[in-house]
Amino acid sequence: MRTHTLLTPAIMISDDQLYQLAIFLGSVSMLLIVLYHFLEVNAENDDKATPLSAERKADTVPGAKPVRS
């Protein structure tokens, strides 16, 4: 009876298996991205959030000039 040890050579996957794995993982990642955006767009906003001041609003807009009082 032959037992497997840690010294047995590793078997490489074929090019076809690597291709199928890449297609599968790419498809899963795209589905997760679409699912994330779907959930993010349809998420309910927190009504308890405090409104931003004019100064904070200017910080959130890229390229906006600071608010002067």
C-alpha atoms as a PDB file:
ATOM      1  CA  MET A   1       0.000   0.000   0.000  1.00  0.00           C
ATOM      2  CA  ARG A   2       1.445   3.346  -1.045  1.00  0.00           C
ATOM      3  CA  THR A   3       0.825   6.380   1.104  1.00  0.00           C
ATOM      4  CA  HIS A   4       1.033   9.926  -0.151  1.00  0.00           C
ATOM      5  CA  THR A   5       3.670  12.067   1.422  1.00  0.00           C
ATOM      6  CA  LEU A   6       4.521  15.716   1.131  1.00  0.00           C
ATOM      7  CA  LEU A   7       7.245  14.842  -1.361  1.00  0.00           C
ATOM      8  CA  THR A   8       4.855  13.803  -4.142  1.00  0.00           C
ATOM      9  CA  PRO A   9       5.089  16.141  -7.118  1.00  0.00           C
ATOM     10  CA  ALA A  10       2.330  18.701  -7.555  1.00  0.00           C
ATOM     11  CA  ILE A  11       0.039  18.288 -10.530  1.00  0.00           C
ATOM     12  CA  MET A  12      -0.413  21.454 -12.564  1.00  0.00           C
ATOM     13  CA  ILE A  13      -3.780  22.464 -13.910  1.00  0.00           C
ATOM     14  CA  SER A  14      -4.199  22.510 -17.658  1.00  0.00           C
ATOM     15  CA  ASP A  15      -4.615  25.611 -19.781  1.00  0.00           C
ATOM     16  CA  ASP A  16      -8.286  24.773 -20.301  1.00  0.00           C
ATOM     17  CA  GLN A  17      -8.892  24.498 -16.560  1.00  0.00           C
ATOM     18  CA  LEU A  18      -7.103  27.807 -15.982  1.00  0.00           C
ATOM     19  CA  TYR A  19      -9.218  29.434 -18.706  1.00  0.00           C
ATOM     20  CA  GLN A  20     -12.443  28.094 -17.177  1.00  0.00           C
ATOM     21  CA  LEU A  21     -11.378  29.271 -13.722  1.00  0.00           C
ATOM     22  CA  ALA A  22     -10.582  32.765 -15.026  1.00  0.00           C
ATOM     23  CA  ILE A  23     -13.939  33.010 -16.826  1.00  0.00           C
ATOM     24  CA  PHE A  24     -15.795  31.797 -13.734  1.00  0.00           C
ATOM     25  CA  LEU A  25     -14.032  34.171 -11.327  1.00  0.00           C
ATOM     26  CA  GLY A  26     -14.454  37.105 -13.717  1.00  0.00           C
ATOM     27  CA  SER A  27     -18.160  36.383 -14.092  1.00  0.00           C
ATOM     28  CA  VAL A  28     -18.651  36.085 -10.340  1.00  0.00           C
ATOM     29  CA  SER A  29     -16.818  39.361  -9.717  1.00  0.00           C
ATOM     30  CA  MET A  30     -18.942  41.189 -12.300  1.00  0.00           C
ATOM     31  CA  LEU A  31     -22.131  39.804 -10.762  1.00  0.00           C
ATOM     32  CA  LEU A  32     -20.990  40.924  -7.314  1.00  0.00           C
ATOM     33  CA  ILE A  33     -20.222  44.414  -8.637  1.00  0.00           C
ATOM     34  CA  VAL A  34     -23.664  44.679 -10.243  1.00  0.00           C
ATOM     35  CA  LEU A  35     -25.306  43.372  -7.054  1.00  0.00           C
ATOM     36  CA  TYR A  36     -23.390  45.890  -4.928  1.00  0.00           C
ATOM     37  CA  HIS A  37     -24.444  48.804  -7.125  1.00  0.00           C
ATOM     38  CA  PHE A  38     -28.054  47.596  -7.192  1.00  0.00           C
ATOM     39  CA  LEU A  39     -28.142  47.425  -3.400  1.00  0.00           C
ATOM     40  CA  GLU A  40     -26.360  50.764  -3.023  1.00  0.00           C
ATOM     41  CA  VAL A  41     -28.768  52.586  -5.346  1.00  0.00           C
ATOM     42  CA  ASN A  42     -31.847  51.072  -3.715  1.00  0.00           C
ATOM     43  CA  ALA A  43     -30.692  51.526  -0.117  1.00  0.00           C
ATOM     44  CA  GLU A  44     -32.911  53.666   2.068  1.00  0.00           C
ATOM     45  CA  ASN A  45     -31.364  56.897   3.243  1.00  0.00           C
ATOM     46  CA  ASP A  46     -31.002  57.586   6.938  1.00  0.00           C
ATOM     47  CA  ASP A  47     -33.548  60.324   7.708  1.00  0.00           C
ATOM     48  CA  LYS A  48     -31.998  60.930  11.121  1.00  0.00           C
ATOM     49  CA  ALA A  49     -28.761  62.225   9.617  1.00  0.00           C
ATOM     50  CA  THR A  50     -28.005  65.854  10.315  1.00  0.00           C
ATOM     51  CA  PRO A  51     -27.932  68.106   7.258  1.00  0.00           C
ATOM     52  CA  LEU A  52     -24.522  69.328   6.149  1.00  0.00           C
ATOM     53  CA  SER A  53     -23.529  72.904   6.765  1.00  0.00           C
ATOM     54  CA  ALA A  54     -22.584  75.086   3.791  1.00  0.00           C
ATOM     55  CA  GLU A  55     -18.925  74.662   4.680  1.00  0.00           C
ATOM     56  CA  ARG A  56     -19.160  70.862   4.761  1.00  0.00           C
ATOM     57  CA  LYS A  57     -21.099  70.822   1.466  1.00  0.00           C
ATOM     58  CA  ALA A  58     -18.287  72.741  -0.201  1.00  0.00           C
ATOM     59  CA  ASP A  59     -15.839  70.102   1.050  1.00  0.00           C
ATOM     60  CA  THR A  60     -17.823  67.307  -0.597  1.00  0.00           C
ATOM     61  CA  VAL A  61     -17.877  68.861  -4.065  1.00  0.00           C
ATOM     62  CA  PRO A  62     -14.584  68.400  -5.934  1.00  0.00           C
ATOM     63  CA  GLY A  63     -13.128  71.673  -7.138  1.00  0.00           C
ATOM     64  CA  ALA A  64     -15.575  73.815  -5.193  1.00  0.00           C
ATOM     65  CA  LYS A  65     -14.321  77.041  -3.705  1.00  0.00           C
ATOM     66  CA  PRO A  66     -14.506  77.481   0.074  1.00  0.00           C
ATOM     67  CA  VAL A  67     -17.563  79.253   1.431  1.00  0.00           C
ATOM     68  CA  ARG A  68     -16.853  82.803   2.572  1.00  0.00           C
ATOM     69  CA  SER A  69     -18.917  84.386   5.307  1.00  0.00           C
END
